[in-house]
């Protein structure tokens, strides 16, 4: 609960953006992040090839001046690449650099296929 409270400002921002658009709902009825779509994809047989998953949201674009320790508690893994089991030999990477901190509110997720 303390972790959720530390992210309250970011969560409130997401809730405001969600509004009444239930087609792109981010939160369940209890106010927690809704991963039901992701669960449906896993149930359909897709897999997550990430061996060292990293948080992808937010980037520094949204919090450029926040101290590193305060920024770290806001990070969530909300971006995924899912594949069929036959493609699990690929590797996932999570690039980070100063340019990425200025062009998107999400960090990229890259799948390298062999």
N, C-alpha and C. Protein backbone atom coordinates (compact mmCIF):
# COMPACT_ATOMS: atom_id res chain seq x y z
N UNK A 1 0.82 -1.19 0.00
CA UNK A 1 0.00 0.00 0.00
C UNK A 1 0.87 1.25 0.00
N UNK A 2 1.97 1.23 0.76
CA UNK A 2 2.86 2.39 0.79
C UNK A 2 3.44 2.69 -0.59
N UNK A 3 3.76 1.61 -1.33
CA UNK A 3 4.31 1.81 -2.67
C UNK A 3 3.27 2.49 -3.57
N UNK A 4 2.01 2.07 -3.46
CA UNK A 4 0.95 2.67 -4.26
C UNK A 4 0.77 4.14 -3.90
N UNK A 5 0.85 4.46 -2.62
CA UNK A 5 0.71 5.85 -2.20
C UNK A 5 1.85 6.71 -2.73
N UNK A 6 3.06 6.15 -2.81
CA UNK A 6 4.19 6.92 -3.32
C UNK A 6 4.03 7.22 -4.80
N UNK A 7 3.19 6.47 -5.47
CA UNK A 7 2.96 6.68 -6.90
C UNK A 7 1.63 7.39 -7.15
N UNK A 8 1.04 7.94 -6.11
CA UNK A 8 -0.32 8.49 -6.19
C UNK A 8 -0.47 9.55 -7.27
N UNK A 9 0.48 10.45 -7.39
CA UNK A 9 0.35 11.52 -8.39
C UNK A 9 0.30 10.95 -9.80
N UNK A 10 1.16 10.00 -10.10
CA UNK A 10 1.18 9.39 -11.42
C UNK A 10 -0.10 8.60 -11.66
N UNK A 11 -0.52 7.84 -10.67
CA UNK A 11 -1.74 7.06 -10.81
C UNK A 11 -2.94 7.97 -11.05
N UNK A 12 -3.00 9.08 -10.33
CA UNK A 12 -4.11 10.02 -10.50
C UNK A 12 -4.11 10.59 -11.92
N UNK A 13 -2.93 10.87 -12.44
CA UNK A 13 -2.81 11.37 -13.82
C UNK A 13 -3.37 10.34 -14.80
N UNK A 14 -3.05 9.07 -14.60
CA UNK A 14 -3.57 8.02 -15.48
C UNK A 14 -5.08 7.94 -15.37
N UNK A 15 -5.59 8.03 -14.14
CA UNK A 15 -7.04 7.94 -13.94
C UNK A 15 -7.75 9.09 -14.65
N UNK A 16 -7.20 10.29 -14.58
CA UNK A 16 -7.80 11.44 -15.25
C UNK A 16 -7.85 11.21 -16.76
N UNK A 17 -6.78 10.66 -17.33
CA UNK A 17 -6.74 10.39 -18.77
C UNK A 17 -7.75 9.32 -19.16
N UNK A 18 -7.96 8.37 -18.27
CA UNK A 18 -8.88 7.27 -18.56
C UNK A 18 -10.30 7.78 -18.75
N UNK A 19 -10.73 8.68 -17.88
CA UNK A 19 -12.07 9.23 -17.97
C UNK A 19 -13.13 8.16 -18.11
N UNK A 20 -14.02 8.36 -19.03
CA UNK A 20 -15.12 7.43 -19.25
C UNK A 20 -14.85 6.45 -20.38
N UNK A 21 -13.66 6.48 -20.96
CA UNK A 21 -13.33 5.60 -22.09
C UNK A 21 -12.99 4.21 -21.57
N UNK A 22 -14.00 3.38 -21.40
CA UNK A 22 -13.80 2.04 -20.84
C UNK A 22 -13.13 1.09 -21.84
N UNK A 23 -13.08 1.45 -23.13
CA UNK A 23 -12.43 0.59 -24.11
C UNK A 23 -10.92 0.54 -23.87
N UNK A 24 -10.36 1.58 -23.31
CA UNK A 24 -8.93 1.64 -23.04
C UNK A 24 -8.68 1.78 -21.54
N UNK A 25 -9.44 1.07 -20.76
CA UNK A 25 -9.38 1.18 -19.31
C UNK A 25 -8.05 0.70 -18.77
N UNK A 26 -7.44 1.50 -17.89
CA UNK A 26 -6.17 1.15 -17.28
C UNK A 26 -6.35 0.58 -15.88
N UNK A 27 -7.50 0.84 -15.26
CA UNK A 27 -7.72 0.46 -13.87
C UNK A 27 -8.95 -0.41 -13.75
N UNK A 28 -8.90 -1.35 -12.82
CA UNK A 28 -10.07 -2.17 -12.56
C UNK A 28 -11.00 -1.44 -11.59
N UNK A 29 -12.07 -2.08 -11.22
CA UNK A 29 -13.06 -1.44 -10.35
C UNK A 29 -12.51 -1.12 -8.96
N UNK A 30 -11.42 -1.80 -8.56
CA UNK A 30 -10.80 -1.54 -7.25
C UNK A 30 -9.74 -0.44 -7.32
N UNK A 31 -9.56 0.16 -8.51
CA UNK A 31 -8.58 1.23 -8.65
C UNK A 31 -7.15 0.75 -8.85
N UNK A 32 -6.97 -0.56 -9.10
CA UNK A 32 -5.65 -1.10 -9.35
C UNK A 32 -5.43 -1.24 -10.85
N UNK A 33 -4.15 -1.25 -11.28
CA UNK A 33 -3.86 -1.42 -12.69
C UNK A 33 -4.53 -2.69 -13.20
N UNK A 34 -5.17 -2.59 -14.37
CA UNK A 34 -5.92 -3.69 -14.95
C UNK A 34 -5.07 -4.41 -15.99
N UNK A 35 -4.67 -5.64 -15.68
CA UNK A 35 -3.87 -6.45 -16.59
C UNK A 35 -4.70 -7.54 -17.25
N UNK A 36 -6.01 -7.38 -17.30
CA UNK A 36 -6.86 -8.45 -17.84
C UNK A 36 -6.61 -8.70 -19.33
N UNK A 37 -6.30 -7.68 -20.09
CA UNK A 37 -6.01 -7.90 -21.52
C UNK A 37 -4.73 -8.71 -21.66
N UNK A 38 -3.73 -8.38 -20.88
CA UNK A 38 -2.47 -9.13 -20.91
C UNK A 38 -2.71 -10.59 -20.51
N UNK A 39 -3.51 -10.81 -19.50
CA UNK A 39 -3.84 -12.17 -19.07
C UNK A 39 -4.52 -12.95 -20.20
N UNK A 40 -5.41 -12.29 -20.92
CA UNK A 40 -6.09 -12.94 -22.04
C UNK A 40 -5.09 -13.38 -23.11
N UNK A 41 -4.10 -12.55 -23.38
CA UNK A 41 -3.08 -12.90 -24.37
C UNK A 41 -2.22 -14.07 -23.89
N UNK A 42 -1.87 -14.07 -22.60
CA UNK A 42 -1.13 -15.22 -22.05
C UNK A 42 -1.97 -16.48 -22.12
N UNK A 43 -3.24 -16.37 -21.78
CA UNK A 43 -4.15 -17.52 -21.83
C UNK A 43 -4.29 -18.07 -23.25
N UNK A 44 -4.11 -17.21 -24.25
CA UNK A 44 -4.20 -17.63 -25.65
C UNK A 44 -2.92 -18.31 -26.13
N UNK A 45 -1.91 -18.38 -25.28
CA UNK A 45 -0.69 -19.09 -25.64
C UNK A 45 0.52 -18.23 -25.93
N UNK A 46 0.36 -16.92 -25.94
CA UNK A 46 1.52 -16.07 -26.16
C UNK A 46 2.41 -16.09 -24.92
N UNK A 47 3.70 -15.84 -25.12
CA UNK A 47 4.65 -15.86 -24.01
C UNK A 47 5.46 -14.57 -24.01
N UNK A 48 6.02 -14.26 -22.86
CA UNK A 48 6.87 -13.10 -22.68
C UNK A 48 8.32 -13.57 -22.72
N UNK A 49 9.07 -13.24 -23.77
CA UNK A 49 10.45 -13.74 -23.88
C UNK A 49 11.46 -12.97 -23.02
N UNK A 50 11.02 -11.96 -22.30
CA UNK A 50 11.95 -11.17 -21.49
C UNK A 50 12.53 -12.01 -20.36
N UNK A 51 13.86 -12.06 -20.28
CA UNK A 51 14.52 -12.78 -19.20
C UNK A 51 14.90 -11.85 -18.06
N UNK A 52 14.99 -10.56 -18.33
CA UNK A 52 15.31 -9.56 -17.32
C UNK A 52 14.40 -8.35 -17.54
N UNK A 53 13.10 -8.49 -17.24
CA UNK A 53 12.15 -7.42 -17.53
C UNK A 53 12.53 -6.11 -16.83
N UNK A 54 12.32 -5.01 -17.54
CA UNK A 54 12.63 -3.69 -17.02
C UNK A 54 11.38 -2.81 -17.07
N UNK A 55 11.27 -1.85 -16.17
CA UNK A 55 10.14 -0.93 -16.25
C UNK A 55 10.27 -0.04 -17.49
N UNK A 56 9.15 0.32 -18.06
CA UNK A 56 9.16 1.09 -19.31
C UNK A 56 8.42 2.42 -19.22
N UNK A 57 7.76 2.67 -18.10
CA UNK A 57 6.99 3.90 -17.95
C UNK A 57 7.06 4.39 -16.52
N UNK A 58 7.17 5.66 -16.30
CA UNK A 58 7.36 6.75 -17.25
C UNK A 58 8.84 6.94 -17.57
N UNK A 59 9.11 7.68 -18.62
CA UNK A 59 10.48 8.08 -18.90
C UNK A 59 10.75 9.39 -18.18
N UNK A 60 11.94 9.85 -18.28
CA UNK A 60 12.32 11.13 -17.67
C UNK A 60 11.61 12.31 -18.32
N UNK A 61 11.01 12.12 -19.47
CA UNK A 61 10.27 13.20 -20.13
C UNK A 61 9.22 13.79 -19.19
N UNK A 62 8.56 12.94 -18.41
CA UNK A 62 7.51 13.40 -17.51
C UNK A 62 8.03 13.95 -16.19
N UNK A 63 9.22 13.52 -15.78
CA UNK A 63 9.78 13.93 -14.49
C UNK A 63 11.26 14.27 -14.63
N UNK A 64 11.61 15.28 -15.43
CA UNK A 64 13.03 15.55 -15.71
C UNK A 64 13.84 15.98 -14.50
N UNK A 65 13.23 16.59 -13.52
CA UNK A 65 13.98 17.13 -12.39
C UNK A 65 13.83 16.32 -11.10
N UNK A 66 13.12 15.23 -11.15
CA UNK A 66 12.89 14.42 -9.96
C UNK A 66 14.18 13.69 -9.58
N UNK A 67 14.55 13.68 -8.31
CA UNK A 67 15.74 12.93 -7.90
C UNK A 67 15.61 11.45 -8.28
N UNK A 68 16.73 10.81 -8.55
CA UNK A 68 16.74 9.43 -9.03
C UNK A 68 15.96 8.48 -8.14
N UNK A 69 16.11 8.59 -6.81
CA UNK A 69 15.43 7.66 -5.92
C UNK A 69 13.91 7.85 -5.97
N UNK A 70 13.44 9.08 -6.11
CA UNK A 70 12.00 9.33 -6.21
C UNK A 70 11.46 8.90 -7.57
N UNK A 71 12.27 9.07 -8.60
CA UNK A 71 11.86 8.65 -9.94
C UNK A 71 11.74 7.12 -10.00
N UNK A 72 12.68 6.42 -9.37
CA UNK A 72 12.71 4.96 -9.43
C UNK A 72 11.43 4.32 -8.90
N UNK A 73 10.82 4.90 -7.88
CA UNK A 73 9.61 4.29 -7.32
C UNK A 73 8.38 4.51 -8.20
N UNK A 74 8.48 5.37 -9.20
CA UNK A 74 7.36 5.62 -10.11
C UNK A 74 7.36 4.66 -11.31
N UNK A 75 8.44 3.95 -11.52
CA UNK A 75 8.59 3.12 -12.72
C UNK A 75 7.72 1.87 -12.65
N UNK A 76 7.09 1.56 -13.79
CA UNK A 76 6.26 0.37 -13.95
C UNK A 76 6.62 -0.32 -15.26
N UNK A 77 6.46 -1.60 -15.28
CA UNK A 77 6.57 -2.32 -16.55
C UNK A 77 5.16 -2.45 -17.11
N UNK A 78 4.86 -1.63 -18.11
CA UNK A 78 3.53 -1.68 -18.72
C UNK A 78 3.59 -1.90 -20.23
N UNK A 79 4.80 -2.04 -20.78
CA UNK A 79 4.97 -2.29 -22.21
C UNK A 79 5.60 -3.67 -22.39
N UNK A 80 4.99 -4.46 -23.25
CA UNK A 80 5.41 -5.84 -23.44
C UNK A 80 5.48 -6.17 -24.92
N UNK A 81 6.34 -7.10 -25.26
CA UNK A 81 6.31 -7.76 -26.56
C UNK A 81 6.02 -9.22 -26.25
N UNK A 82 4.92 -9.72 -26.75
CA UNK A 82 4.56 -11.11 -26.55
C UNK A 82 4.72 -11.85 -27.88
N UNK A 83 5.13 -13.09 -27.80
CA UNK A 83 5.41 -13.87 -29.01
C UNK A 83 4.81 -15.26 -28.87
N UNK A 84 4.73 -15.96 -30.00
CA UNK A 84 4.35 -17.37 -29.95
C UNK A 84 5.53 -18.14 -29.38
N UNK A 85 5.29 -19.30 -28.80
CA UNK A 85 6.39 -20.07 -28.19
C UNK A 85 7.55 -20.36 -29.15
N UNK A 86 7.29 -20.43 -30.44
CA UNK A 86 8.37 -20.73 -31.39
C UNK A 86 9.36 -19.58 -31.56
N UNK A 87 9.04 -18.39 -31.07
CA UNK A 87 9.93 -17.24 -31.22
C UNK A 87 10.66 -16.88 -29.92
N UNK A 88 10.64 -17.74 -28.94
CA UNK A 88 11.24 -17.40 -27.66
C UNK A 88 12.77 -17.34 -27.68
N UNK A 89 13.40 -17.72 -28.79
CA UNK A 89 14.86 -17.62 -28.89
C UNK A 89 15.29 -16.16 -29.05
N UNK A 90 14.37 -15.27 -29.35
CA UNK A 90 14.70 -13.86 -29.46
C UNK A 90 15.05 -13.27 -28.11
N UNK A 91 15.69 -12.13 -28.15
CA UNK A 91 16.05 -11.45 -26.90
C UNK A 91 15.39 -10.08 -26.85
N UNK A 92 15.00 -9.70 -25.65
CA UNK A 92 14.37 -8.40 -25.43
C UNK A 92 15.41 -7.47 -24.83
N UNK A 93 15.43 -6.23 -25.32
CA UNK A 93 16.29 -5.22 -24.72
C UNK A 93 15.47 -3.97 -24.42
N UNK A 94 15.99 -3.17 -23.53
CA UNK A 94 15.31 -1.96 -23.05
C UNK A 94 16.28 -0.79 -23.15
N UNK A 95 16.41 -0.19 -24.34
CA UNK A 95 17.38 0.90 -24.51
C UNK A 95 17.07 2.10 -23.61
N UNK A 96 18.13 2.75 -23.14
CA UNK A 96 18.01 3.98 -22.36
C UNK A 96 19.13 4.92 -22.78
N UNK A 97 18.80 6.17 -23.03
CA UNK A 97 19.80 7.21 -23.22
C UNK A 97 19.13 8.57 -23.11
N UNK A 98 19.90 9.61 -23.14
CA UNK A 98 19.36 10.96 -22.95
C UNK A 98 18.35 11.34 -24.03
N UNK A 99 18.58 10.90 -25.27
CA UNK A 99 17.63 11.23 -26.34
C UNK A 99 16.27 10.62 -26.06
N UNK A 100 16.24 9.38 -25.58
CA UNK A 100 14.97 8.72 -25.28
C UNK A 100 14.22 9.42 -24.15
N UNK A 101 14.95 10.03 -23.25
CA UNK A 101 14.32 10.77 -22.15
C UNK A 101 13.59 12.01 -22.63
N UNK A 102 13.81 12.41 -23.88
CA UNK A 102 13.23 13.66 -24.39
C UNK A 102 12.18 13.45 -25.48
N UNK A 103 12.00 12.21 -25.96
CA UNK A 103 11.11 12.03 -27.10
C UNK A 103 9.84 11.22 -26.81
N UNK A 104 9.78 10.55 -25.67
CA UNK A 104 8.60 9.74 -25.38
C UNK A 104 8.41 9.60 -23.88
N UNK A 105 7.16 9.39 -23.47
CA UNK A 105 6.91 9.15 -22.05
C UNK A 105 7.10 7.68 -21.69
N UNK A 106 7.31 6.81 -22.68
CA UNK A 106 7.61 5.39 -22.47
C UNK A 106 9.01 5.12 -23.00
N UNK A 107 9.72 4.20 -22.33
CA UNK A 107 10.98 3.71 -22.88
C UNK A 107 10.66 2.58 -23.86
N UNK A 108 11.47 2.43 -24.91
CA UNK A 108 11.18 1.38 -25.90
C UNK A 108 11.49 -0.02 -25.38
N UNK A 109 10.83 -0.97 -26.01
CA UNK A 109 11.08 -2.39 -25.81
C UNK A 109 11.42 -2.93 -27.20
N UNK A 110 12.56 -3.62 -27.31
CA UNK A 110 13.03 -4.10 -28.61
C UNK A 110 13.17 -5.62 -28.57
N UNK A 111 12.62 -6.27 -29.58
CA UNK A 111 12.77 -7.72 -29.74
C UNK A 111 13.77 -7.97 -30.85
N UNK A 112 14.86 -8.63 -30.53
CA UNK A 112 15.87 -9.03 -31.52
C UNK A 112 15.67 -10.50 -31.81
N UNK A 113 15.28 -10.82 -33.06
CA UNK A 113 15.06 -12.22 -33.46
C UNK A 113 16.33 -12.79 -34.03
N UNK A 114 16.58 -14.07 -33.73
CA UNK A 114 17.78 -14.74 -34.23
C UNK A 114 17.46 -15.56 -35.44
